[in-house]
Amino acid sequence: MTVFFHYSLHGFANVYLVGNDTTMEAAIVDPAAFTLGLLNFIEDKGYVVKAVLITHNHPHHVDGLRTLLRIYDATVYSSNATIGDVACRMIRDAEVFTVCGLEVQALSVPGHSADSMAYLFDKIVFTGDALHAGLIGKTMSQYGNKLLKEQLSKKVLSLSDDCMVLPGHGPPSSIGAEKLYNLGWRKTKEDIRGDQYGLLA
């Protein structure tokens, strides 16, 4: 397995290509924008895109999907039944499935969005906007923030420290680094107040 990174100016988002070097099939994680540069890169490497993994249905992570599907006959995996008018192969939390001959596990991490999924390939986890290097995803409420922290702690931070984190924006990281340095785990004033009154027990 080889992972390639493509930076999209559309939403300043990360697009990833996960290639099976035996079958030369590939999966795209979050096709923010499917540009000529990305197409040429895929073709130059000799891959055929057979799968698309969507971490969440926000425009700057999926706007390249229709263009991609005009070129490649790929199955789209998402926690949604459809993205726009594109039918998806729905996946569930903790489901293990195979794409391009590679085993992947889906991890539901709602909070930033209700449909947020992370995808674990061996010791690489694609976290979308749920977890960035040094930060957790933005949420619309204290409940969403608490939910996201709980889901990340249970399903993502429980992975081995040497597992690589590849987020939807920004640089890569590791599980070990995020446990130590991610600012999202610092308690807010609301958390401290809740602890004092037993509200967050």
N, C-alpha and C. Protein backbone atom coordinates (compact mmCIF):
# COMPACT_ATOMS: atom_id res chain seq x y z
N MET A 1 0.84 -1.20 0.00
CA MET A 1 0.00 0.00 0.00
C MET A 1 0.87 1.24 0.00
N THR A 2 0.51 2.19 -0.88
CA THR A 2 1.20 3.47 -0.93
C THR A 2 0.17 4.59 -0.82
N VAL A 3 0.48 5.61 -0.04
CA VAL A 3 -0.43 6.74 0.12
C VAL A 3 0.22 7.99 -0.46
N PHE A 4 -0.52 8.68 -1.32
CA PHE A 4 -0.07 9.93 -1.91
C PHE A 4 -0.96 11.06 -1.44
N PHE A 5 -0.36 12.23 -1.27
CA PHE A 5 -1.07 13.42 -0.80
C PHE A 5 -1.21 14.42 -1.93
N HIS A 6 -2.41 15.01 -2.05
CA HIS A 6 -2.65 16.07 -3.02
C HIS A 6 -3.34 17.22 -2.30
N TYR A 7 -2.76 18.42 -2.40
CA TYR A 7 -3.33 19.59 -1.73
C TYR A 7 -4.28 20.31 -2.68
N SER A 8 -5.49 20.54 -2.22
CA SER A 8 -6.50 21.21 -3.04
C SER A 8 -6.69 22.64 -2.55
N LEU A 9 -6.56 23.61 -3.46
CA LEU A 9 -6.81 25.00 -3.10
C LEU A 9 -8.29 25.23 -2.78
N HIS A 10 -9.14 24.34 -3.28
CA HIS A 10 -10.57 24.44 -2.99
C HIS A 10 -10.80 24.03 -1.53
N GLY A 11 -11.02 25.03 -0.68
CA GLY A 11 -11.21 24.75 0.74
C GLY A 11 -9.93 24.44 1.48
N PHE A 12 -8.78 24.60 0.78
CA PHE A 12 -7.48 24.29 1.39
C PHE A 12 -7.52 22.91 2.04
N ALA A 13 -8.04 21.96 1.29
CA ALA A 13 -8.29 20.61 1.82
C ALA A 13 -7.26 19.61 1.31
N ASN A 14 -7.11 18.55 2.07
CA ASN A 14 -6.23 17.45 1.68
C ASN A 14 -7.01 16.38 0.95
N VAL A 15 -6.47 15.93 -0.17
CA VAL A 15 -7.01 14.79 -0.92
C VAL A 15 -5.94 13.70 -0.86
N TYR A 16 -6.36 12.47 -0.61
CA TYR A 16 -5.40 11.37 -0.51
C TYR A 16 -5.73 10.29 -1.53
N LEU A 17 -4.69 9.70 -2.07
CA LEU A 17 -4.82 8.54 -2.94
C LEU A 17 -4.15 7.37 -2.25
N VAL A 18 -4.92 6.30 -2.03
CA VAL A 18 -4.39 5.08 -1.41
C VAL A 18 -4.29 4.03 -2.50
N GLY A 19 -3.07 3.63 -2.84
CA GLY A 19 -2.86 2.73 -3.95
C GLY A 19 -2.46 1.33 -3.52
N ASN A 20 -3.03 0.33 -4.18
CA ASN A 20 -2.61 -1.06 -4.02
C ASN A 20 -1.59 -1.32 -5.12
N ASP A 21 -0.34 -1.48 -4.74
CA ASP A 21 0.74 -1.59 -5.73
C ASP A 21 0.80 -2.96 -6.40
N THR A 22 -0.02 -3.90 -5.94
CA THR A 22 -0.11 -5.20 -6.59
C THR A 22 -1.15 -5.19 -7.69
N THR A 23 -2.33 -4.67 -7.37
CA THR A 23 -3.43 -4.65 -8.35
C THR A 23 -3.46 -3.36 -9.17
N MET A 24 -2.74 -2.33 -8.69
CA MET A 24 -2.74 -0.99 -9.29
C MET A 24 -4.12 -0.35 -9.27
N GLU A 25 -4.94 -0.76 -8.31
CA GLU A 25 -6.21 -0.10 -8.03
C GLU A 25 -5.99 0.92 -6.93
N ALA A 26 -6.81 1.95 -6.92
CA ALA A 26 -6.62 3.01 -5.94
C ALA A 26 -7.94 3.53 -5.42
N ALA A 27 -7.88 4.06 -4.20
CA ALA A 27 -9.03 4.73 -3.57
C ALA A 27 -8.66 6.18 -3.34
N ILE A 28 -9.62 7.06 -3.53
CA ILE A 28 -9.45 8.48 -3.23
C ILE A 28 -10.20 8.79 -1.94
N VAL A 29 -9.54 9.44 -1.00
CA VAL A 29 -10.19 9.89 0.23
C VAL A 29 -10.50 11.37 0.09
N ASP A 30 -11.78 11.73 0.11
CA ASP A 30 -12.27 13.11 0.05
C ASP A 30 -11.81 13.86 -1.20
N PRO A 31 -12.49 13.66 -2.33
CA PRO A 31 -12.13 14.36 -3.57
C PRO A 31 -12.59 15.82 -3.56
N ALA A 32 -11.87 16.66 -2.87
CA ALA A 32 -12.25 18.07 -2.72
C ALA A 32 -12.43 18.73 -4.07
N ALA A 33 -11.46 18.55 -4.94
CA ALA A 33 -11.54 19.04 -6.33
C ALA A 33 -10.74 18.07 -7.18
N PHE A 34 -11.34 17.59 -8.23
CA PHE A 34 -10.64 16.63 -9.09
C PHE A 34 -10.06 17.40 -10.27
N THR A 35 -8.80 17.78 -10.11
CA THR A 35 -8.14 18.66 -11.07
C THR A 35 -7.36 17.86 -12.12
N LEU A 36 -6.96 18.57 -13.18
CA LEU A 36 -6.14 17.94 -14.22
C LEU A 36 -4.82 17.46 -13.64
N GLY A 37 -4.28 18.22 -12.71
CA GLY A 37 -3.03 17.81 -12.07
C GLY A 37 -3.17 16.49 -11.33
N LEU A 38 -4.28 16.32 -10.61
CA LEU A 38 -4.51 15.07 -9.89
C LEU A 38 -4.74 13.93 -10.86
N LEU A 39 -5.52 14.18 -11.91
CA LEU A 39 -5.76 13.14 -12.92
C LEU A 39 -4.46 12.69 -13.55
N ASN A 40 -3.61 13.64 -13.95
CA ASN A 40 -2.33 13.29 -14.57
C ASN A 40 -1.45 12.50 -13.62
N PHE A 41 -1.49 12.86 -12.35
CA PHE A 41 -0.70 12.14 -11.35
C PHE A 41 -1.15 10.68 -11.27
N ILE A 42 -2.47 10.47 -11.20
CA ILE A 42 -3.02 9.11 -11.10
C ILE A 42 -2.64 8.30 -12.34
N GLU A 43 -2.82 8.90 -13.50
CA GLU A 43 -2.53 8.20 -14.75
C GLU A 43 -1.04 7.91 -14.90
N ASP A 44 -0.20 8.87 -14.52
CA ASP A 44 1.26 8.68 -14.61
C ASP A 44 1.73 7.53 -13.72
N LYS A 45 1.07 7.37 -12.57
CA LYS A 45 1.43 6.28 -11.65
C LYS A 45 0.86 4.94 -12.10
N GLY A 46 -0.08 4.98 -13.04
CA GLY A 46 -0.66 3.75 -13.56
C GLY A 46 -1.79 3.17 -12.74
N TYR A 47 -2.40 4.00 -11.87
CA TYR A 47 -3.50 3.51 -11.04
C TYR A 47 -4.84 3.68 -11.75
N VAL A 48 -5.80 2.85 -11.35
CA VAL A 48 -7.20 3.00 -11.76
C VAL A 48 -8.00 3.20 -10.47
N VAL A 49 -8.74 4.30 -10.39
CA VAL A 49 -9.52 4.59 -9.19
C VAL A 49 -10.77 3.71 -9.17
N LYS A 50 -10.88 2.90 -8.12
CA LYS A 50 -12.01 1.99 -7.98
C LYS A 50 -12.91 2.32 -6.79
N ALA A 51 -12.45 3.21 -5.91
CA ALA A 51 -13.22 3.51 -4.71
C ALA A 51 -13.00 4.96 -4.28
N VAL A 52 -14.01 5.51 -3.65
CA VAL A 52 -13.93 6.86 -3.07
C VAL A 52 -14.45 6.76 -1.64
N LEU A 53 -13.67 7.24 -0.68
CA LEU A 53 -14.07 7.23 0.72
C LEU A 53 -14.36 8.67 1.14
N ILE A 54 -15.57 8.90 1.63
CA ILE A 54 -15.99 10.24 2.05
C ILE A 54 -16.02 10.29 3.57
N THR A 55 -15.25 11.22 4.15
CA THR A 55 -15.24 11.35 5.60
C THR A 55 -16.48 12.09 6.10
N HIS A 56 -16.95 13.08 5.33
CA HIS A 56 -18.19 13.79 5.67
C HIS A 56 -18.61 14.64 4.48
N ASN A 57 -19.90 14.92 4.43
CA ASN A 57 -20.48 15.58 3.27
C ASN A 57 -20.46 17.11 3.41
N HIS A 58 -19.27 17.68 3.41
CA HIS A 58 -19.12 19.13 3.35
C HIS A 58 -18.51 19.47 1.99
N PRO A 59 -18.97 20.55 1.36
CA PRO A 59 -18.60 20.83 -0.05
C PRO A 59 -17.11 20.77 -0.35
N HIS A 60 -16.28 21.34 0.50
CA HIS A 60 -14.85 21.37 0.16
C HIS A 60 -14.15 20.02 0.37
N HIS A 61 -14.94 18.97 0.64
CA HIS A 61 -14.39 17.62 0.67
C HIS A 61 -15.00 16.71 -0.40
N VAL A 62 -16.08 17.15 -1.02
CA VAL A 62 -16.78 16.27 -1.98
C VAL A 62 -17.03 16.91 -3.35
N ASP A 63 -16.66 18.17 -3.54
CA ASP A 63 -17.03 18.86 -4.78
C ASP A 63 -16.40 18.26 -6.04
N GLY A 64 -15.33 17.49 -5.88
CA GLY A 64 -14.72 16.85 -7.05
C GLY A 64 -15.31 15.49 -7.39
N LEU A 65 -16.31 15.06 -6.63
CA LEU A 65 -16.83 13.70 -6.78
C LEU A 65 -17.45 13.45 -8.15
N ARG A 66 -18.30 14.34 -8.62
CA ARG A 66 -18.96 14.12 -9.91
C ARG A 66 -17.96 14.05 -11.05
N THR A 67 -16.97 14.92 -11.03
CA THR A 67 -15.93 14.90 -12.08
C THR A 67 -15.17 13.58 -12.05
N LEU A 68 -14.81 13.13 -10.87
CA LEU A 68 -14.10 11.86 -10.73
C LEU A 68 -14.91 10.71 -11.32
N LEU A 69 -16.22 10.70 -11.03
CA LEU A 69 -17.06 9.59 -11.47
C LEU A 69 -17.35 9.63 -12.97
N ARG A 70 -17.09 10.75 -13.63
CA ARG A 70 -17.20 10.80 -15.08
C ARG A 70 -16.02 10.09 -15.75
N ILE A 71 -14.95 9.97 -15.01
CA ILE A 71 -13.71 9.39 -15.54
C ILE A 71 -13.53 7.95 -15.10
N TYR A 72 -13.83 7.68 -13.84
CA TYR A 72 -13.60 6.34 -13.27
C TYR A 72 -14.91 5.73 -12.78
N ASP A 73 -15.02 4.42 -12.95
CA ASP A 73 -16.16 3.66 -12.43
C ASP A 73 -15.82 3.23 -11.01
N ALA A 74 -16.12 4.09 -10.06
CA ALA A 74 -15.71 3.86 -8.67
C ALA A 74 -16.91 3.77 -7.75
N THR A 75 -16.79 2.94 -6.73
CA THR A 75 -17.81 2.83 -5.68
C THR A 75 -17.54 3.90 -4.63
N VAL A 76 -18.58 4.63 -4.23
CA VAL A 76 -18.45 5.68 -3.23
C VAL A 76 -18.91 5.15 -1.88
N TYR A 77 -18.04 5.24 -0.89
CA TYR A 77 -18.34 4.77 0.47
C TYR A 77 -18.58 5.97 1.38
N SER A 78 -19.68 5.93 2.12
CA SER A 78 -20.03 7.05 2.99
C SER A 78 -21.02 6.56 4.03
N SER A 79 -21.19 7.34 5.10
CA SER A 79 -22.25 7.01 6.06
C SER A 79 -23.60 7.51 5.56
N ASN A 80 -23.60 8.21 4.43
CA ASN A 80 -24.83 8.70 3.81
C ASN A 80 -25.27 7.77 2.67
N ALA A 81 -26.57 7.70 2.43
CA ALA A 81 -27.07 6.90 1.31
C ALA A 81 -26.76 7.57 -0.01
N THR A 82 -26.77 8.90 -0.02
CA THR A 82 -26.45 9.67 -1.23
C THR A 82 -25.65 10.90 -0.85
N ILE A 83 -24.87 11.37 -1.80
CA ILE A 83 -24.21 12.67 -1.69
C ILE A 83 -24.62 13.43 -2.93
N GLY A 84 -25.48 14.43 -2.74
CA GLY A 84 -26.10 15.05 -3.91
C GLY A 84 -26.95 14.01 -4.60
N ASP A 85 -26.69 13.79 -5.90
CA ASP A 85 -27.43 12.75 -6.63
C ASP A 85 -26.60 11.49 -6.84
N VAL A 86 -25.50 11.38 -6.10
CA VAL A 86 -24.61 10.22 -6.22
C VAL A 86 -24.98 9.18 -5.16
N ALA A 87 -25.31 7.97 -5.61
CA ALA A 87 -25.62 6.89 -4.68
C ALA A 87 -24.34 6.38 -4.03
N CYS A 88 -24.43 6.09 -2.73
CA CYS A 88 -23.26 5.62 -1.98
C CYS A 88 -23.48 4.24 -1.42
N ARG A 89 -22.41 3.54 -1.20
CA ARG A 89 -22.43 2.29 -0.46
C ARG A 89 -22.33 2.69 1.01
N MET A 90 -23.45 2.59 1.74
CA MET A 90 -23.48 3.03 3.13
C MET A 90 -22.65 2.12 4.02
N ILE A 91 -21.92 2.74 4.92
CA ILE A 91 -21.09 1.99 5.87
C ILE A 91 -21.50 2.34 7.29
N ARG A 92 -21.25 1.42 8.20
CA ARG A 92 -21.62 1.58 9.60
C ARG A 92 -20.38 1.66 10.47
N ASP A 93 -20.57 2.18 11.66
CA ASP A 93 -19.48 2.27 12.64
C ASP A 93 -18.90 0.89 12.91
N ALA A 94 -17.58 0.82 12.91
CA ALA A 94 -16.81 -0.41 13.20
C ALA A 94 -16.86 -1.43 12.08
N GLU A 95 -17.53 -1.11 10.98
CA GLU A 95 -17.59 -2.06 9.85
C GLU A 95 -16.22 -2.21 9.21
N VAL A 96 -15.86 -3.44 8.94
CA VAL A 96 -14.61 -3.74 8.23
C VAL A 96 -14.97 -4.20 6.83
N PHE A 97 -14.38 -3.58 5.83
CA PHE A 97 -14.68 -3.92 4.45
C PHE A 97 -13.40 -3.81 3.63
N THR A 98 -13.49 -4.21 2.38
CA THR A 98 -12.30 -4.23 1.52
C THR A 98 -12.49 -3.28 0.35
N VAL A 99 -11.49 -2.44 0.12
CA VAL A 99 -11.47 -1.59 -1.07
C VAL A 99 -10.13 -1.78 -1.77
N CYS A 100 -10.19 -2.03 -3.05
CA CYS A 100 -8.98 -2.19 -3.85
C CYS A 100 -8.04 -3.25 -3.28
N GLY A 101 -8.63 -4.29 -2.70
CA GLY A 101 -7.84 -5.37 -2.12
C GLY A 101 -7.22 -5.03 -0.78
N LEU A 102 -7.60 -3.90 -0.18
CA LEU A 102 -7.05 -3.46 1.09
C LEU A 102 -8.16 -3.43 2.14
N GLU A 103 -7.84 -3.92 3.34
CA GLU A 103 -8.82 -3.92 4.42
C GLU A 103 -8.89 -2.56 5.09
N VAL A 104 -10.10 -2.08 5.33
CA VAL A 104 -10.31 -0.78 5.96
C VAL A 104 -11.43 -0.90 6.98
N GLN A 105 -11.30 -0.16 8.06
CA GLN A 105 -12.35 -0.14 9.08
C GLN A 105 -12.91 1.28 9.17
N ALA A 106 -14.23 1.38 9.22
CA ALA A 106 -14.91 2.66 9.37
C ALA A 106 -15.12 2.95 10.85
N LEU A 107 -14.84 4.20 11.24
CA LEU A 107 -15.01 4.62 12.63
C LEU A 107 -15.89 5.87 12.65
N SER A 108 -17.08 5.75 13.21
CA SER A 108 -17.99 6.89 13.28
C SER A 108 -17.53 7.86 14.37
N VAL A 109 -17.30 9.13 13.99
CA VAL A 109 -16.82 10.14 14.95
C VAL A 109 -17.65 11.42 14.81
N PRO A 110 -18.96 11.36 15.12
CA PRO A 110 -19.81 12.54 14.98
C PRO A 110 -19.41 13.65 15.94
N GLY A 111 -19.79 14.86 15.57
CA GLY A 111 -19.49 16.03 16.40
C GLY A 111 -19.25 17.22 15.51
N HIS A 112 -18.22 17.13 14.66
CA HIS A 112 -18.01 18.17 13.65
C HIS A 112 -19.18 18.17 12.67
N SER A 113 -19.60 16.98 12.30
CA SER A 113 -20.82 16.78 11.52
C SER A 113 -21.42 15.45 11.95
N ALA A 114 -22.71 15.30 11.73
CA ALA A 114 -23.37 14.07 12.17
C ALA A 114 -22.88 12.84 11.42
N ASP A 115 -22.39 13.04 10.17
CA ASP A 115 -22.01 11.90 9.32
C ASP A 115 -20.51 11.63 9.31
N SER A 116 -19.74 12.26 10.20
CA SER A 116 -18.28 12.14 10.16
C SER A 116 -17.80 10.70 10.38
N MET A 117 -16.96 10.26 9.46
CA MET A 117 -16.33 8.93 9.54
C MET A 117 -14.81 9.08 9.43
N ALA A 118 -14.11 8.25 10.16
CA ALA A 118 -12.67 8.10 9.97
C ALA A 118 -12.45 6.71 9.36
N TYR A 119 -11.35 6.57 8.63
CA TYR A 119 -11.06 5.30 7.96
C TYR A 119 -9.67 4.82 8.36
N LEU A 120 -9.62 3.60 8.87
CA LEU A 120 -8.37 3.02 9.34
C LEU A 120 -7.86 1.97 8.38
N PHE A 121 -6.69 2.23 7.80
CA PHE A 121 -5.96 1.26 6.99
C PHE A 121 -4.71 0.87 7.77
N ASP A 122 -4.67 -0.33 8.31
CA ASP A 122 -3.50 -0.79 9.04
C ASP A 122 -3.12 0.24 10.11
N LYS A 123 -2.01 0.97 9.93
CA LYS A 123 -1.58 1.97 10.91
C LYS A 123 -1.66 3.39 10.34
N ILE A 124 -2.65 3.61 9.49
CA ILE A 124 -2.92 4.95 8.97
C ILE A 124 -4.41 5.22 9.14
N VAL A 125 -4.75 6.34 9.76
CA VAL A 125 -6.15 6.70 9.94
C VAL A 125 -6.42 8.05 9.28
N PHE A 126 -7.42 8.07 8.40
CA PHE A 126 -7.86 9.29 7.74
C PHE A 126 -9.01 9.86 8.57
N THR A 127 -8.82 11.06 9.12
CA THR A 127 -9.75 11.57 10.12
C THR A 127 -10.66 12.69 9.61
N GLY A 128 -10.53 13.10 8.35
CA GLY A 128 -11.38 14.17 7.85
C GLY A 128 -11.22 15.42 8.71
N ASP A 129 -12.34 16.02 9.10
CA ASP A 129 -12.30 17.22 9.93
C ASP A 129 -12.52 16.93 11.41
N ALA A 130 -12.59 15.66 11.77
CA ALA A 130 -12.81 15.31 13.18
C ALA A 130 -11.57 15.57 14.02
N LEU A 131 -10.40 15.31 13.44
CA LEU A 131 -9.14 15.46 14.19
C LEU A 131 -8.07 16.00 13.26
N HIS A 132 -7.45 17.11 13.66
CA HIS A 132 -6.34 17.70 12.94
C HIS A 132 -5.10 17.63 13.81
N ALA A 133 -3.95 17.96 13.25
CA ALA A 133 -2.72 18.02 14.04
C ALA A 133 -2.84 19.15 15.05
N GLY A 134 -2.94 18.80 16.32
CA GLY A 134 -2.99 19.79 17.38
C GLY A 134 -4.37 20.30 17.73
N LEU A 135 -5.39 19.93 16.97
CA LEU A 135 -6.74 20.44 17.19
C LEU A 135 -7.78 19.35 16.94
N ILE A 136 -8.96 19.52 17.53
CA ILE A 136 -10.09 18.68 17.14
C ILE A 136 -11.01 19.52 16.26
N GLY A 137 -11.96 18.85 15.60
CA GLY A 137 -12.83 19.54 14.66
C GLY A 137 -13.73 20.57 15.33
N LYS A 138 -14.11 21.59 14.56
CA LYS A 138 -15.04 22.60 15.05
C LYS A 138 -16.42 21.99 15.20
N THR A 139 -17.12 22.42 16.22
CA THR A 139 -18.48 21.94 16.46
C THR A 139 -19.41 23.14 16.66
N MET A 140 -20.70 22.89 16.59
CA MET A 140 -21.69 23.97 16.69
C MET A 140 -22.22 24.15 18.11
N SER A 141 -21.83 23.28 19.04
CA SER A 141 -22.38 23.37 20.40
C SER A 141 -21.45 22.67 21.38
N GLN A 142 -21.68 22.92 22.66
CA GLN A 142 -20.91 22.22 23.70
C GLN A 142 -21.21 20.73 23.66
N TYR A 143 -22.46 20.39 23.35
CA TYR A 143 -22.80 18.96 23.24
C TYR A 143 -22.01 18.31 22.12
N GLY A 144 -21.95 18.98 20.95
CA GLY A 144 -21.19 18.44 19.82
C GLY A 144 -19.72 18.29 20.16
N ASN A 145 -19.17 19.26 20.88
CA ASN A 145 -17.77 19.19 21.28
C ASN A 145 -17.52 18.02 22.22
N LYS A 146 -18.41 17.85 23.19
CA LYS A 146 -18.28 16.74 24.15
C LYS A 146 -18.41 15.39 23.43
N LEU A 147 -19.38 15.30 22.52
CA LEU A 147 -19.58 14.06 21.76
C LEU A 147 -18.36 13.72 20.93
N LEU A 148 -17.81 14.72 20.24
CA LEU A 148 -16.64 14.49 19.40
C LEU A 148 -15.45 14.01 20.23
N LYS A 149 -15.22 14.65 21.37
CA LYS A 149 -14.12 14.23 22.24
C LYS A 149 -14.30 12.79 22.70
N GLU A 150 -15.54 12.45 23.07
CA GLU A 150 -15.81 11.09 23.54
C GLU A 150 -15.54 10.06 22.44
N GLN A 151 -16.03 10.35 21.22
CA GLN A 151 -15.87 9.40 20.12
C GLN A 151 -14.41 9.28 19.70
N LEU A 152 -13.70 10.40 19.66
CA LEU A 152 -12.27 10.35 19.31
C LEU A 152 -11.48 9.58 20.36
N SER A 153 -11.77 9.84 21.64
CA SER A 153 -11.06 9.15 22.72
C SER A 153 -11.27 7.65 22.65
N LYS A 154 -12.52 7.26 22.39
CA LYS A 154 -12.88 5.84 22.39
C LYS A 154 -12.36 5.10 21.16
N LYS A 155 -12.42 5.73 19.99
CA LYS A 155 -12.20 5.00 18.75
C LYS A 155 -10.90 5.34 18.03
N VAL A 156 -10.38 6.55 18.23
CA VAL A 156 -9.19 6.97 17.49
C VAL A 156 -7.96 7.03 18.40
N LEU A 157 -8.07 7.70 19.53
CA LEU A 157 -6.91 7.80 20.42
C LEU A 157 -6.57 6.47 21.07
N SER A 158 -7.45 5.49 20.95
CA SER A 158 -7.18 4.15 21.46
C SER A 158 -6.29 3.34 20.51
N LEU A 159 -6.04 3.89 19.31
CA LEU A 159 -5.15 3.23 18.36
C LEU A 159 -3.71 3.34 18.85
N SER A 160 -2.80 2.58 18.26
CA SER A 160 -1.41 2.57 18.71
C SER A 160 -0.76 3.93 18.47
N ASP A 161 0.17 4.29 19.34
CA ASP A 161 0.81 5.60 19.27
C ASP A 161 1.50 5.86 17.94
N ASP A 162 1.96 4.80 17.28
CA ASP A 162 2.68 4.99 16.01
C ASP A 162 1.75 5.01 14.80
N CYS A 163 0.45 5.00 15.04
CA CYS A 163 -0.51 5.10 13.95
C CYS A 163 -0.48 6.53 13.40
N MET A 164 -0.36 6.66 12.08
CA MET A 164 -0.29 7.98 11.46
C MET A 164 -1.68 8.56 11.28
N VAL A 165 -1.83 9.85 11.58
CA VAL A 165 -3.09 10.58 11.42
C VAL A 165 -2.98 11.45 10.17
N LEU A 166 -3.88 11.22 9.21
CA LEU A 166 -3.92 12.03 8.00
C LEU A 166 -5.25 12.78 7.98
N PRO A 167 -5.24 14.07 8.31
CA PRO A 167 -6.47 14.85 8.46
C PRO A 167 -6.95 15.49 7.16
N GLY A 168 -8.15 16.06 7.22
CA GLY A 168 -8.72 16.72 6.06
C GLY A 168 -8.08 18.05 5.75
N HIS A 169 -7.43 18.66 6.72
CA HIS A 169 -6.72 19.93 6.55
C HIS A 169 -5.44 19.87 7.36
N GLY A 170 -4.40 20.53 6.88
CA GLY A 170 -3.18 20.66 7.66
C GLY A 170 -2.25 19.47 7.54
N PRO A 171 -1.17 19.49 8.32
CA PRO A 171 -0.13 18.47 8.22
C PRO A 171 -0.52 17.15 8.87
N PRO A 172 0.22 16.09 8.56
CA PRO A 172 -0.02 14.80 9.22
C PRO A 172 0.47 14.83 10.66
N SER A 173 0.07 13.83 11.41
CA SER A 173 0.48 13.71 12.80
C SER A 173 0.52 12.23 13.16
N SER A 174 0.55 11.94 14.43
CA SER A 174 0.47 10.55 14.91
C SER A 174 -0.43 10.51 16.12
N ILE A 175 -0.93 9.34 16.44
CA ILE A 175 -1.78 9.19 17.61
C ILE A 175 -1.01 9.58 18.88
N GLY A 176 0.24 9.15 18.97
CA GLY A 176 1.05 9.50 20.15
C GLY A 176 1.18 10.99 20.33
N ALA A 177 1.44 11.71 19.23
CA ALA A 177 1.59 13.17 19.31
C ALA A 177 0.28 13.84 19.71
N GLU A 178 -0.83 13.33 19.18
CA GLU A 178 -2.12 13.94 19.49
C GLU A 178 -2.51 13.72 20.96
N LYS A 179 -2.15 12.59 21.51
CA LYS A 179 -2.42 12.36 22.92
C LYS A 179 -1.68 13.37 23.80
N LEU A 180 -0.48 13.73 23.38
CA LEU A 180 0.35 14.61 24.19
C LEU A 180 0.08 16.09 23.97
N TYR A 181 -0.17 16.48 22.71
CA TYR A 181 -0.12 17.90 22.37
C TYR A 181 -1.42 18.50 21.82
N ASN A 182 -2.43 17.69 21.56
CA ASN A 182 -3.63 18.25 20.96
C ASN A 182 -4.35 19.16 21.95
N LEU A 183 -4.58 20.42 21.54
CA LEU A 183 -5.21 21.41 22.41
C LEU A 183 -6.67 21.08 22.71
N GLY A 184 -7.28 20.21 21.89
CA GLY A 184 -8.68 19.85 22.10
C GLY A 184 -8.93 19.12 23.40
N TRP A 185 -7.90 18.53 23.99
CA TRP A 185 -8.09 17.78 25.22
C TRP A 185 -7.94 18.65 26.46
N ARG A 186 -7.56 19.93 26.27
CA ARG A 186 -7.48 20.84 27.41
C ARG A 186 -8.90 21.20 27.85
N LYS A 187 -9.10 21.27 29.12
CA LYS A 187 -10.44 21.57 29.63
C LYS A 187 -10.77 23.05 29.45
N THR A 188 -11.99 23.32 28.98
CA THR A 188 -12.47 24.68 28.85
C THR A 188 -13.03 25.15 30.19
N LYS A 189 -13.35 26.44 30.28
CA LYS A 189 -13.97 26.96 31.51
C LYS A 189 -15.29 26.26 31.78
N GLU A 190 -16.03 25.95 30.70
CA GLU A 190 -17.30 25.26 30.87
C GLU A 190 -17.09 23.85 31.43
N ASP A 191 -16.02 23.17 30.94
CA ASP A 191 -15.71 21.83 31.45
C ASP A 191 -15.41 21.88 32.95
N ILE A 192 -14.57 22.86 33.33
CA ILE A 192 -14.17 22.98 34.74
C ILE A 192 -15.37 23.30 35.61
N ARG A 193 -16.23 24.22 35.13
CA ARG A 193 -17.44 24.56 35.87
C ARG A 193 -18.35 23.34 36.00
N GLY A 194 -18.46 22.57 34.92
CA GLY A 194 -19.29 21.37 34.94
C GLY A 194 -18.76 20.33 35.91
N ASP A 195 -17.42 20.19 35.95
CA ASP A 195 -16.80 19.25 36.89
C ASP A 195 -17.11 19.66 38.34
N GLN A 196 -17.05 20.96 38.62
CA GLN A 196 -17.28 21.45 39.97
C GLN A 196 -18.69 21.13 40.46
N TYR A 197 -19.64 21.19 39.52
CA TYR A 197 -21.04 20.97 39.90
C TYR A 197 -21.54 19.59 39.52
N GLY A 198 -20.61 18.74 39.07
CA GLY A 198 -21.00 17.37 38.71
C GLY A 198 -21.83 17.26 37.47
N LEU A 199 -21.72 18.25 36.57
CA LEU A 199 -22.56 18.25 35.37
C LEU A 199 -22.04 17.36 34.26
N LEU A 200 -20.74 17.06 34.31
CA LEU A 200 -20.14 16.30 33.20
C LEU A 200 -19.79 14.89 33.63
N ALA A 201 -20.30 14.45 34.73
CA ALA A 201 -19.99 13.09 35.21
C ALA A 201 -20.59 12.05 34.30
